[in-house]
Amino acid sequence: YEQAGVFDKAAEIYRDTLNRLYAMKGTSLEKERSAFETLPSQESVNLRLAIVSLNDHKMDTVFEYIKSGNQTDKHSAQEKIERSVLLSQVAEVNHQTDEAIRYLSDLTASWKGQSKLVSGPYLKLARLYLKKNDFKKAQWALENVEHLDEDTGVVDARISVEALELKSELALMTKNPQLATQTL
């Protein structure tokens, strides 16, 4: 439901899952189920709820779920990246562009070896730098996406295309129509 954009239904299912996890915590049922199943962590479900709440524009609950799922050591690599991107988005919604940039900068610095995972955050970072009219840093972030794609070939095609489109727009903003045409 989350991927389909039906955020209310996704939130309902995640809340139900979270309630079930809380109810069986420390019981023999938890031990039995975790022996035969891979149960999600409460932190993972709280992260999903925070992301769904953000996508559904329910900012008051976003903060509640972020605080509830604050043990980042229990998150997978993908979830840690999603959490940083989420915090960046929350900061951006609150008109804290510098804070949003800081979250993404820290993320991209610490996850350099994960090309597929950090290409999206680099693209988002480029957009934030453009928002601040910092064309040099925006260009740097876009070049990182381009290099990741060229070097590894694992960058999502949609991200590559968006990065190239943004690079072309940036070239037009900086009065370089030849680069804009070449990029397109």
C-alpha atoms as a PDB file:
ATOM      1  CA  TYR A   1       0.000   0.000   0.000  1.00  0.00           C
ATOM      2  CA  GLU A   2       2.848   2.382   0.778  1.00  0.00           C
ATOM      3  CA  GLN A   3       4.416   1.909  -2.641  1.00  0.00           C
ATOM      4  CA  ALA A   4       1.020   2.326  -4.313  1.00  0.00           C
ATOM      5  CA  GLY A   5       0.494   5.656  -2.544  1.00  0.00           C
ATOM      6  CA  VAL A   6      -2.385   4.464  -0.352  1.00  0.00           C
ATOM      7  CA  PHE A   7      -0.841   5.915   2.767  1.00  0.00           C
ATOM      8  CA  ASP A   8      -3.850   5.678   5.095  1.00  0.00           C
ATOM      9  CA  LYS A   9      -4.173   1.929   4.518  1.00  0.00           C
ATOM     10  CA  ALA A  10      -0.398   1.437   4.811  1.00  0.00           C
ATOM     11  CA  ALA A  11      -0.362   3.356   8.104  1.00  0.00           C
ATOM     12  CA  GLU A  12      -3.241   1.240   9.393  1.00  0.00           C
ATOM     13  CA  ILE A  13      -1.364  -1.982   8.607  1.00  0.00           C
ATOM     14  CA  TYR A  14       1.893  -0.670  10.082  1.00  0.00           C
ATOM     15  CA  ARG A  15       0.138   0.441  13.285  1.00  0.00           C
ATOM     16  CA  ASP A  16      -1.503  -2.981  13.562  1.00  0.00           C
ATOM     17  CA  THR A  17       1.887  -4.649  13.086  1.00  0.00           C
ATOM     18  CA  LEU A  18       3.471  -2.391  15.685  1.00  0.00           C
ATOM     19  CA  ASN A  19       0.701  -3.150  18.181  1.00  0.00           C
ATOM     20  CA  ARG A  20       1.186  -6.877  17.617  1.00  0.00           C
ATOM     21  CA  LEU A  21       4.935  -6.525  18.153  1.00  0.00           C
ATOM     22  CA  TYR A  22       4.354  -4.617  21.400  1.00  0.00           C
ATOM     23  CA  ALA A  23       1.787  -7.198  22.571  1.00  0.00           C
ATOM     24  CA  MET A  24       4.064 -10.183  22.096  1.00  0.00           C
ATOM     25  CA  LYS A  25       7.269  -8.539  23.329  1.00  0.00           C
ATOM     26  CA  GLY A  26       8.957 -10.713  25.936  1.00  0.00           C
ATOM     27  CA  THR A  27       6.439 -13.555  25.609  1.00  0.00           C
ATOM     28  CA  SER A  28       6.927 -17.146  24.539  1.00  0.00           C
ATOM     29  CA  LEU A  29       4.948 -16.308  21.392  1.00  0.00           C
ATOM     30  CA  GLU A  30       7.662 -13.838  20.408  1.00  0.00           C
ATOM     31  CA  LYS A  31      10.362 -16.487  20.861  1.00  0.00           C
ATOM     32  CA  GLU A  32       8.367 -19.037  18.902  1.00  0.00           C
ATOM     33  CA  ARG A  33       7.530 -16.700  16.031  1.00  0.00           C
ATOM     34  CA  SER A  34      11.058 -15.303  15.798  1.00  0.00           C
ATOM     35  CA  ALA A  35      12.365 -18.884  15.546  1.00  0.00           C
ATOM     36  CA  PHE A  36      10.261 -19.550  12.451  1.00  0.00           C
ATOM     37  CA  GLU A  37       9.720 -16.081  11.026  1.00  0.00           C
ATOM     38  CA  THR A  38      11.695 -12.937  10.443  1.00  0.00           C
ATOM     39  CA  LEU A  39       9.872 -10.361  12.504  1.00  0.00           C
ATOM     40  CA  PRO A  40      10.412  -6.678  11.743  1.00  0.00           C
ATOM     41  CA  SER A  41      11.907  -4.585  14.495  1.00  0.00           C
ATOM     42  CA  GLN A  42       9.772  -1.970  16.189  1.00  0.00           C
ATOM     43  CA  GLU A  43      12.248   0.625  14.929  1.00  0.00           C
ATOM     44  CA  SER A  44      11.705  -0.503  11.333  1.00  0.00           C
ATOM     45  CA  VAL A  45       7.934  -0.285  11.638  1.00  0.00           C
ATOM     46  CA  ASN A  46       8.186   3.158  13.279  1.00  0.00           C
ATOM     47  CA  LEU A  47      10.376   4.309  10.388  1.00  0.00           C
ATOM     48  CA  ARG A  48       7.810   3.068   7.866  1.00  0.00           C
ATOM     49  CA  LEU A  49       5.076   4.885   9.815  1.00  0.00           C
ATOM     50  CA  ALA A  50       7.126   8.097   9.817  1.00  0.00           C
ATOM     51  CA  ILE A  51       7.706   7.862   6.061  1.00  0.00           C
ATOM     52  CA  VAL A  52       4.029   7.142   5.382  1.00  0.00           C
ATOM     53  CA  SER A  53       3.007  10.060   7.625  1.00  0.00           C
ATOM     54  CA  LEU A  54       5.355  12.407   5.758  1.00  0.00           C
ATOM     55  CA  ASN A  55       4.003  11.279   2.401  1.00  0.00           C
ATOM     56  CA  ASP A  56       0.478  11.776   3.725  1.00  0.00           C
ATOM     57  CA  HIS A  57       1.446  15.274   5.000  1.00  0.00           C
ATOM     58  CA  LYS A  58       0.760  14.405   8.651  1.00  0.00           C
ATOM     59  CA  MET A  59       3.738  16.190  10.151  1.00  0.00           C
ATOM     60  CA  ASP A  60       2.579  15.909  13.757  1.00  0.00           C
ATOM     61  CA  THR A  61       2.815  12.110  13.652  1.00  0.00           C
ATOM     62  CA  VAL A  62       6.104  12.086  11.707  1.00  0.00           C
ATOM     63  CA  PHE A  63       7.984  13.400  14.747  1.00  0.00           C
ATOM     64  CA  GLU A  64       6.218  10.949  17.054  1.00  0.00           C
ATOM     65  CA  TYR A  65       7.310   7.961  14.966  1.00  0.00           C
ATOM     66  CA  ILE A  66      10.850   9.267  14.450  1.00  0.00           C
ATOM     67  CA  LYS A  67      11.306   9.552  18.218  1.00  0.00           C
ATOM     68  CA  SER A  68       9.785   6.101  18.806  1.00  0.00           C
ATOM     69  CA  GLY A  69      12.129   4.401  16.349  1.00  0.00           C
ATOM     70  CA  ASN A  70      15.279   6.169  17.417  1.00  0.00           C
ATOM     71  CA  GLN A  71      17.538   3.121  17.968  1.00  0.00           C
ATOM     72  CA  THR A  72      19.323   3.343  14.637  1.00  0.00           C
ATOM     73  CA  ASP A  73      21.604   0.405  15.421  1.00  0.00           C
ATOM     74  CA  LYS A  74      18.604  -1.849  14.758  1.00  0.00           C
ATOM     75  CA  HIS A  75      18.074  -0.431  11.260  1.00  0.00           C
ATOM     76  CA  SER A  76      19.354  -2.054   8.087  1.00  0.00           C
ATOM     77  CA  ALA A  77      21.653  -0.075   5.778  1.00  0.00           C
ATOM     78  CA  GLN A  78      18.700   0.820   3.562  1.00  0.00           C
ATOM     79  CA  GLU A  79      16.672   1.948   6.573  1.00  0.00           C
ATOM     80  CA  LYS A  80      19.506   4.124   7.894  1.00  0.00           C
ATOM     81  CA  ILE A  81      19.627   5.871   4.558  1.00  0.00           C
ATOM     82  CA  GLU A  82      15.835   6.226   4.433  1.00  0.00           C
ATOM     83  CA  ARG A  83      15.912   7.690   7.953  1.00  0.00           C
ATOM     84  CA  SER A  84      18.515  10.303   6.992  1.00  0.00           C
ATOM     85  CA  VAL A  85      16.537  11.216   3.876  1.00  0.00           C
ATOM     86  CA  LEU A  86      13.372  11.425   5.991  1.00  0.00           C
ATOM     87  CA  LEU A  87      15.044  13.736   8.508  1.00  0.00           C
ATOM     88  CA  SER A  88      16.269  15.860   5.613  1.00  0.00           C
ATOM     89  CA  GLN A  89      12.759  16.075   4.175  1.00  0.00           C
ATOM     90  CA  VAL A  90      11.323  17.038   7.553  1.00  0.00           C
ATOM     91  CA  ALA A  91      13.948  19.764   7.895  1.00  0.00           C
ATOM     92  CA  GLU A  92      13.144  21.008   4.396  1.00  0.00           C
ATOM     93  CA  VAL A  93       9.408  21.129   5.137  1.00  0.00           C
ATOM     94  CA  ASN A  94      10.270  23.210   8.207  1.00  0.00           C
ATOM     95  CA  HIS A  95      12.286  25.586   5.973  1.00  0.00           C
ATOM     96  CA  GLN A  96      15.581  24.468   7.510  1.00  0.00           C
ATOM     97  CA  THR A  97      17.520  24.011   4.271  1.00  0.00           C
ATOM     98  CA  ASP A  98      20.924  24.052   5.968  1.00  0.00           C
ATOM     99  CA  GLU A  99      19.813  21.309   8.351  1.00  0.00           C
ATOM    100  CA  ALA A 100      18.445  19.263   5.436  1.00  0.00           C
ATOM    101  CA  ILE A 101      21.768  19.652   3.634  1.00  0.00           C
ATOM    102  CA  ARG A 102      23.640  18.576   6.759  1.00  0.00           C
ATOM    103  CA  TYR A 103      21.655  15.329   7.060  1.00  0.00           C
ATOM    104  CA  LEU A 104      22.286  14.450   3.416  1.00  0.00           C
ATOM    105  CA  SER A 105      25.932  15.513   3.515  1.00  0.00           C
ATOM    106  CA  ASP A 106      26.580  13.319   6.545  1.00  0.00           C
ATOM    107  CA  LEU A 107      24.771  10.474   4.834  1.00  0.00           C
ATOM    108  CA  THR A 108      26.695  10.694   1.566  1.00  0.00           C
ATOM    109  CA  ALA A 109      30.015  11.048   3.399  1.00  0.00           C
ATOM    110  CA  SER A 110      29.462   7.938   5.506  1.00  0.00           C
ATOM    111  CA  TRP A 111      27.972   5.717   2.777  1.00  0.00           C
ATOM    112  CA  LYS A 112      30.360   6.336  -0.117  1.00  0.00           C
ATOM    113  CA  GLY A 113      30.676   2.653  -1.014  1.00  0.00           C
ATOM    114  CA  GLN A 114      26.936   2.173  -1.483  1.00  0.00           C
ATOM    115  CA  SER A 115      26.421   3.619  -4.978  1.00  0.00           C
ATOM    116  CA  LYS A 116      22.853   2.469  -5.442  1.00  0.00           C
ATOM    117  CA  LEU A 117      21.799   3.717  -2.022  1.00  0.00           C
ATOM    118  CA  VAL A 118      23.398   7.189  -2.056  1.00  0.00           C
ATOM    119  CA  SER A 119      22.668   8.254  -5.625  1.00  0.00           C
ATOM    120  CA  GLY A 120      19.167   9.470  -4.669  1.00  0.00           C
ATOM    121  CA  PRO A 121      20.440  11.467  -1.695  1.00  0.00           C
ATOM    122  CA  TYR A 122      23.096  13.085  -3.924  1.00  0.00           C
ATOM    123  CA  LEU A 123      20.335  14.136  -6.332  1.00  0.00           C
ATOM    124  CA  LYS A 124      18.301  15.557  -3.446  1.00  0.00           C
ATOM    125  CA  LEU A 125      21.413  17.334  -2.184  1.00  0.00           C
ATOM    126  CA  ALA A 126      21.861  18.943  -5.607  1.00  0.00           C
ATOM    127  CA  ARG A 127      18.268  20.225  -5.491  1.00  0.00           C
ATOM    128  CA  LEU A 128      18.816  21.695  -2.029  1.00  0.00           C
ATOM    129  CA  TYR A 129      22.006  23.445  -3.155  1.00  0.00           C
ATOM    130  CA  LEU A 130      20.116  24.860  -6.130  1.00  0.00           C
ATOM    131  CA  LYS A 131      17.475  26.126  -3.731  1.00  0.00           C
ATOM    132  CA  LYS A 132      20.244  28.057  -1.968  1.00  0.00           C
ATOM    133  CA  ASN A 133      21.707  29.198  -5.328  1.00  0.00           C
ATOM    134  CA  ASP A 134      24.948  27.375  -4.561  1.00  0.00           C
ATOM    135  CA  PHE A 135      25.563  26.295  -8.151  1.00  0.00           C
ATOM    136  CA  LYS A 136      29.071  24.990  -7.538  1.00  0.00           C
ATOM    137  CA  LYS A 137      27.982  22.525  -4.847  1.00  0.00           C
ATOM    138  CA  ALA A 138      24.911  21.553  -6.864  1.00  0.00           C
ATOM    139  CA  GLN A 139      27.201  20.733  -9.785  1.00  0.00           C
ATOM    140  CA  TRP A 140      29.423  18.699  -7.447  1.00  0.00           C
ATOM    141  CA  ALA A 141      26.456  16.639  -6.201  1.00  0.00           C
ATOM    142  CA  LEU A 142      25.235  16.006  -9.749  1.00  0.00           C
ATOM    143  CA  GLU A 143      28.720  14.955 -10.834  1.00  0.00           C
ATOM    144  CA  ASN A 144      28.729  12.442  -7.992  1.00  0.00           C
ATOM    145  CA  VAL A 145      25.532  10.876  -9.340  1.00  0.00           C
ATOM    146  CA  GLU A 146      27.038  10.797 -12.822  1.00  0.00           C
ATOM    147  CA  HIS A 147      30.295   9.220 -11.605  1.00  0.00           C
ATOM    148  CA  LEU A 148      28.450   6.641  -9.521  1.00  0.00           C
ATOM    149  CA  ASP A 149      26.428   5.666 -12.573  1.00  0.00           C
ATOM    150  CA  GLU A 150      29.457   5.485 -14.861  1.00  0.00           C
ATOM    151  CA  ASP A 151      31.648   3.630 -12.357  1.00  0.00           C
ATOM    152  CA  THR A 152      29.156   1.085 -11.074  1.00  0.00           C
ATOM    153  CA  GLY A 153      26.196   0.964 -13.438  1.00  0.00           C
ATOM    154  CA  VAL A 154      23.868   0.250 -10.495  1.00  0.00           C
ATOM    155  CA  VAL A 155      22.266   3.689 -10.181  1.00  0.00           C
ATOM    156  CA  ASP A 156      18.536   3.632 -10.819  1.00  0.00           C
ATOM    157  CA  ALA A 157      17.810   4.837 -14.367  1.00  0.00           C
ATOM    158  CA  ARG A 158      15.187   7.305 -13.107  1.00  0.00           C
ATOM    159  CA  ILE A 159      17.756   8.952 -10.832  1.00  0.00           C
ATOM    160  CA  SER A 160      20.294   9.153 -13.659  1.00  0.00           C
ATOM    161  CA  VAL A 161      17.762  10.790 -15.957  1.00  0.00           C
ATOM    162  CA  GLU A 162      16.656  13.272 -13.279  1.00  0.00           C
ATOM    163  CA  ALA A 163      20.293  14.131 -12.537  1.00  0.00           C
ATOM    164  CA  LEU A 164      20.979  14.791 -16.218  1.00  0.00           C
ATOM    165  CA  GLU A 165      17.860  16.949 -16.523  1.00  0.00           C
ATOM    166  CA  LEU A 166      18.876  18.912 -13.449  1.00  0.00           C
ATOM    167  CA  LYS A 167      22.412  19.258 -14.788  1.00  0.00           C
ATOM    168  CA  SER A 168      20.962  20.725 -17.980  1.00  0.00           C
ATOM    169  CA  GLU A 169      18.805  23.158 -15.987  1.00  0.00           C
ATOM    170  CA  LEU A 170      21.847  24.143 -13.941  1.00  0.00           C
ATOM    171  CA  ALA A 171      23.808  24.764 -17.133  1.00  0.00           C
ATOM    172  CA  LEU A 172      21.065  27.110 -18.339  1.00  0.00           C
ATOM    173  CA  MET A 173      21.014  28.902 -14.973  1.00  0.00           C
ATOM    174  CA  THR A 174      24.759  29.453 -15.196  1.00  0.00           C
ATOM    175  CA  LYS A 175      24.485  30.713 -18.789  1.00  0.00           C
ATOM    176  CA  ASN A 176      26.075  27.661 -20.413  1.00  0.00           C
ATOM    177  CA  PRO A 177      23.616  26.655 -23.175  1.00  0.00           C
ATOM    178  CA  GLN A 178      26.201  24.480 -24.914  1.00  0.00           C
ATOM    179  CA  LEU A 179      26.558  22.240 -21.831  1.00  0.00           C
ATOM    180  CA  ALA A 180      22.768  22.206 -21.432  1.00  0.00           C
ATOM    181  CA  THR A 181      22.319  20.997 -24.998  1.00  0.00           C
ATOM    182  CA  GLN A 182      25.140  18.469 -24.690  1.00  0.00           C
ATOM    183  CA  THR A 183      23.690  17.102 -21.449  1.00  0.00           C
ATOM    184  CA  LEU A 184      20.210  16.725 -22.884  1.00  0.00           C
END
